Amino acid sequence: MDAREANIRRWFAMWLEKRDTGIDELFSPEALYIESWGPQYRGVEKIRHWFEEWNTRGSVLAWDIHGFFHRDDATVVQWYFRNAMNDGRVEVFDGMSLVVWAEDGRICLLQEFGCNLDRYDPYAEGGAPHFRGEAPRWF
């Protein structure tokens, strides 16, 4: 479990440092990475390309781990994420990643799930729900 947690921490640190310190060592050649809002990247070469290209458009400011849950060949990591894009947008949300491990200890699947931080109680004013008039977030 310690090695798995260290590998996940290493992946998050790469984003914070904007530096590939071993994507090939972390991901299986045919790994699948699914972002919470839809894009997916199949294969370590695509994952590396996305990492390098994305870091030309923005910066990860925080990717804080709150906990790990392990079971058989899978790990779930709960986290808080914040980035700033070069166009001025800032994105902040809570999330979880499901990480499935290959027999060689590398990641063969990483799927992210996001949760809006701007939360509210739609029943605060009574029995009928009152939802905000905004469009749902992308995750």
C-alpha atoms as a PDB file:
ATOM      1  CA  MET A   1       0.000   0.000   0.000  1.00  0.00           C
ATOM      2  CA  ASP A   2       2.860   2.388   0.765  1.00  0.00           C
ATOM      3  CA  ALA A   3       4.255   1.993  -2.776  1.00  0.00           C
ATOM      4  CA  ARG A   4       0.844   2.679  -4.296  1.00  0.00           C
ATOM      5  CA  GLU A   5       0.366   5.800  -2.194  1.00  0.00           C
ATOM      6  CA  ALA A   6       3.882   6.973  -3.062  1.00  0.00           C
ATOM      7  CA  ASN A   7       3.140   6.549  -6.778  1.00  0.00           C
ATOM      8  CA  ILE A   8      -0.060   8.569  -6.515  1.00  0.00           C
ATOM      9  CA  ARG A   9       1.757  11.279  -4.555  1.00  0.00           C
ATOM     10  CA  ARG A  10       4.441  11.295  -7.233  1.00  0.00           C
ATOM     11  CA  TRP A  11       1.825  11.790  -9.975  1.00  0.00           C
ATOM     12  CA  PHE A  12       0.238  14.716  -8.115  1.00  0.00           C
ATOM     13  CA  ALA A  13       3.688  16.238  -7.477  1.00  0.00           C
ATOM     14  CA  MET A  14       4.476  16.122 -11.210  1.00  0.00           C
ATOM     15  CA  TRP A  15       1.503  18.398 -11.825  1.00  0.00           C
ATOM     16  CA  LEU A  16       2.469  20.787  -9.051  1.00  0.00           C
ATOM     17  CA  GLU A  17       6.057  20.945 -10.327  1.00  0.00           C
ATOM     18  CA  LYS A  18       5.047  20.930 -14.040  1.00  0.00           C
ATOM     19  CA  ARG A  19       7.731  18.293 -14.602  1.00  0.00           C
ATOM     20  CA  ASP A  20       7.625  14.697 -15.850  1.00  0.00           C
ATOM     21  CA  THR A  21       9.649  12.704 -13.330  1.00  0.00           C
ATOM     22  CA  GLY A  22       8.658   9.294 -14.665  1.00  0.00           C
ATOM     23  CA  ILE A  23       5.270   8.962 -16.349  1.00  0.00           C
ATOM     24  CA  ASP A  24       6.536   5.746 -18.001  1.00  0.00           C
ATOM     25  CA  GLU A  25       7.307   4.295 -14.577  1.00  0.00           C
ATOM     26  CA  LEU A  26       3.843   5.128 -13.211  1.00  0.00           C
ATOM     27  CA  PHE A  27       1.547   4.132 -16.096  1.00  0.00           C
ATOM     28  CA  SER A  28       1.245   0.892 -18.031  1.00  0.00           C
ATOM     29  CA  PRO A  29       1.843   1.251 -21.795  1.00  0.00           C
ATOM     30  CA  GLU A  30      -1.896   0.855 -22.527  1.00  0.00           C
ATOM     31  CA  ALA A  31      -3.200   2.713 -19.453  1.00  0.00           C
ATOM     32  CA  LEU A  32      -6.494   4.587 -19.654  1.00  0.00           C
ATOM     33  CA  TYR A  33      -6.878   7.986 -17.931  1.00  0.00           C
ATOM     34  CA  ILE A  34     -10.396   9.467 -17.704  1.00  0.00           C
ATOM     35  CA  GLU A  35     -10.886  13.043 -16.527  1.00  0.00           C
ATOM     36  CA  SER A  36     -13.982  13.912 -14.486  1.00  0.00           C
ATOM     37  CA  TRP A  37     -15.442  16.119 -17.197  1.00  0.00           C
ATOM     38  CA  GLY A  38     -15.125  13.713 -20.140  1.00  0.00           C
ATOM     39  CA  PRO A  39     -11.756  13.642 -21.922  1.00  0.00           C
ATOM     40  CA  GLN A  40      -9.863  10.380 -21.857  1.00  0.00           C
ATOM     41  CA  TYR A  41      -6.324   9.440 -22.831  1.00  0.00           C
ATOM     42  CA  ARG A  42      -5.372   5.897 -23.817  1.00  0.00           C
ATOM     43  CA  GLY A  43      -1.749   4.854 -23.608  1.00  0.00           C
ATOM     44  CA  VAL A  44       1.229   6.297 -21.798  1.00  0.00           C
ATOM     45  CA  GLU A  45       2.244   8.374 -24.849  1.00  0.00           C
ATOM     46  CA  LYS A  46      -1.155  10.139 -24.919  1.00  0.00           C
ATOM     47  CA  ILE A  47      -1.023  10.662 -21.146  1.00  0.00           C
ATOM     48  CA  ARG A  48       2.444  12.221 -21.474  1.00  0.00           C
ATOM     49  CA  HIS A  49       1.336  14.417 -24.403  1.00  0.00           C
ATOM     50  CA  TRP A  50      -1.700  15.666 -22.428  1.00  0.00           C
ATOM     51  CA  PHE A  51       0.465  16.371 -19.362  1.00  0.00           C
ATOM     52  CA  GLU A  52       3.036  18.347 -21.355  1.00  0.00           C
ATOM     53  CA  GLU A  53       0.481  20.227 -23.471  1.00  0.00           C
ATOM     54  CA  TRP A  54      -1.854  21.059 -20.557  1.00  0.00           C
ATOM     55  CA  ASN A  55       1.029  22.552 -18.596  1.00  0.00           C
ATOM     56  CA  THR A  56       1.558  25.111 -21.382  1.00  0.00           C
ATOM     57  CA  ARG A  57      -2.012  26.401 -20.756  1.00  0.00           C
ATOM     58  CA  GLY A  58      -2.247  26.394 -16.969  1.00  0.00           C
ATOM     59  CA  SER A  59      -0.778  25.544 -13.587  1.00  0.00           C
ATOM     60  CA  VAL A  60      -1.938  23.234 -10.828  1.00  0.00           C
ATOM     61  CA  LEU A  61      -1.786  25.291  -7.635  1.00  0.00           C
ATOM     62  CA  ALA A  62      -2.958  22.654  -5.153  1.00  0.00           C
ATOM     63  CA  TRP A  63      -3.692  18.951  -5.260  1.00  0.00           C
ATOM     64  CA  ASP A  64      -4.069  17.981  -1.632  1.00  0.00           C
ATOM     65  CA  ILE A  65      -4.672  14.379  -0.648  1.00  0.00           C
ATOM     66  CA  HIS A  66      -7.210  13.766   2.139  1.00  0.00           C
ATOM     67  CA  GLY A  67      -7.038   9.988   2.256  1.00  0.00           C
ATOM     68  CA  PHE A  68      -6.575   6.644   0.556  1.00  0.00           C
ATOM     69  CA  PHE A  69      -8.807   3.577   0.444  1.00  0.00           C
ATOM     70  CA  HIS A  70      -7.317   0.281  -0.772  1.00  0.00           C
ATOM     71  CA  ARG A  71      -8.938  -2.926  -1.944  1.00  0.00           C
ATOM     72  CA  ASP A  72      -7.338  -5.753  -3.908  1.00  0.00           C
ATOM     73  CA  ASP A  73      -5.940  -4.229  -7.122  1.00  0.00           C
ATOM     74  CA  ALA A  74      -7.528  -0.786  -6.656  1.00  0.00           C
ATOM     75  CA  THR A  75      -6.988   2.394  -4.683  1.00  0.00           C
ATOM     76  CA  VAL A  76      -9.345   5.344  -4.246  1.00  0.00           C
ATOM     77  CA  VAL A  77      -7.756   8.656  -3.325  1.00  0.00           C
ATOM     78  CA  GLN A  78      -9.803  11.598  -2.040  1.00  0.00           C
ATOM     79  CA  TRP A  79      -8.427  15.059  -2.829  1.00  0.00           C
ATOM     80  CA  TYR A  80      -8.880  18.825  -3.179  1.00  0.00           C
ATOM     81  CA  PHE A  81      -7.784  20.439  -6.462  1.00  0.00           C
ATOM     82  CA  ARG A  82      -7.125  24.021  -7.591  1.00  0.00           C
ATOM     83  CA  ASN A  83      -5.663  25.305 -10.842  1.00  0.00           C
ATOM     84  CA  ALA A  84      -5.226  28.579 -12.693  1.00  0.00           C
ATOM     85  CA  MET A  85      -5.430  28.721 -16.463  1.00  0.00           C
ATOM     86  CA  ASN A  86      -3.445  31.208 -18.520  1.00  0.00           C
ATOM     87  CA  ASP A  87      -6.717  32.877 -19.639  1.00  0.00           C
ATOM     88  CA  GLY A  88      -7.471  33.834 -16.007  1.00  0.00           C
ATOM     89  CA  ARG A  89      -9.929  31.063 -15.111  1.00  0.00           C
ATOM     90  CA  VAL A  90      -9.462  29.401 -11.741  1.00  0.00           C
ATOM     91  CA  GLU A  91     -10.997  25.977 -11.124  1.00  0.00           C
ATOM     92  CA  VAL A  92     -11.470  24.564  -7.642  1.00  0.00           C
ATOM     93  CA  PHE A  93     -13.187  21.335  -6.638  1.00  0.00           C
ATOM     94  CA  ASP A  94     -13.076  18.251  -4.462  1.00  0.00           C
ATOM     95  CA  GLY A  95     -12.599  14.919  -6.086  1.00  0.00           C
ATOM     96  CA  MET A  96     -11.731  11.269  -5.969  1.00  0.00           C
ATOM     97  CA  SER A  97      -9.722   9.087  -8.295  1.00  0.00           C
ATOM     98  CA  LEU A  98     -10.174   5.388  -8.819  1.00  0.00           C
ATOM     99  CA  VAL A  99      -6.771   3.870  -9.545  1.00  0.00           C
ATOM    100  CA  VAL A 100      -6.541   0.285 -10.808  1.00  0.00           C
ATOM    101  CA  TRP A 101      -3.114  -1.338 -10.633  1.00  0.00           C
ATOM    102  CA  ALA A 102      -1.534  -3.712 -13.139  1.00  0.00           C
ATOM    103  CA  GLU A 103       0.372  -6.760 -11.887  1.00  0.00           C
ATOM    104  CA  ASP A 104       3.682  -4.913 -12.397  1.00  0.00           C
ATOM    105  CA  GLY A 105       2.588  -2.165  -9.972  1.00  0.00           C
ATOM    106  CA  ARG A 106       1.907   0.471 -12.598  1.00  0.00           C
ATOM    107  CA  ILE A 107      -1.419   2.241 -13.134  1.00  0.00           C
ATOM    108  CA  CYS A 108      -3.610   0.655 -15.810  1.00  0.00           C
ATOM    109  CA  LEU A 109      -6.714   2.819 -15.144  1.00  0.00           C
ATOM    110  CA  LEU A 110      -7.143   6.177 -13.455  1.00  0.00           C
ATOM    111  CA  GLN A 111     -10.651   7.662 -13.455  1.00  0.00           C
ATOM    112  CA  GLU A 112     -11.406  10.988 -11.776  1.00  0.00           C
ATOM    113  CA  PHE A 113     -14.677  12.097 -10.172  1.00  0.00           C
ATOM    114  CA  GLY A 114     -15.270  15.756  -9.280  1.00  0.00           C
ATOM    115  CA  CYS A 115     -17.543  17.490  -6.774  1.00  0.00           C
ATOM    116  CA  ASN A 116     -18.554  21.153  -6.827  1.00  0.00           C
ATOM    117  CA  LEU A 117     -17.391  23.175  -3.804  1.00  0.00           C
ATOM    118  CA  ASP A 118     -20.237  25.681  -4.185  1.00  0.00           C
ATOM    119  CA  ARG A 119     -22.750  23.589  -2.244  1.00  0.00           C
ATOM    120  CA  TYR A 120     -26.169  24.464  -0.873  1.00  0.00           C
ATOM    121  CA  ASP A 121     -29.299  22.913   0.628  1.00  0.00           C
ATOM    122  CA  PRO A 122     -32.187  23.052  -1.881  1.00  0.00           C
ATOM    123  CA  TYR A 123     -34.647  22.349   0.997  1.00  0.00           C
ATOM    124  CA  ALA A 124     -33.425  25.170   3.266  1.00  0.00           C
ATOM    125  CA  GLU A 125     -36.672  27.114   2.732  1.00  0.00           C
ATOM    126  CA  GLY A 126     -39.122  24.254   3.126  1.00  0.00           C
ATOM    127  CA  GLY A 127     -40.368  21.015   1.596  1.00  0.00           C
ATOM    128  CA  ALA A 128     -40.128  21.980  -2.064  1.00  0.00           C
ATOM    129  CA  PRO A 129     -36.636  22.160  -3.536  1.00  0.00           C
ATOM    130  CA  HIS A 130     -35.234  25.499  -4.717  1.00  0.00           C
ATOM    131  CA  PHE A 131     -32.379  24.925  -7.131  1.00  0.00           C
ATOM    132  CA  ARG A 132     -30.082  27.650  -8.371  1.00  0.00           C
ATOM    133  CA  GLY A 133     -30.740  28.805 -11.908  1.00  0.00           C
ATOM    134  CA  GLU A 134     -27.180  28.101 -13.037  1.00  0.00           C
ATOM    135  CA  ALA A 135     -26.048  25.425 -15.456  1.00  0.00           C
ATOM    136  CA  PRO A 136     -24.586  22.299 -13.845  1.00  0.00           C
ATOM    137  CA  ARG A 137     -20.795  22.203 -13.551  1.00  0.00           C
ATOM    138  CA  TRP A 138     -18.798  20.145 -16.026  1.00  0.00           C
ATOM    139  CA  PHE A 139     -17.983  17.312 -13.690  1.00  0.00           C
END
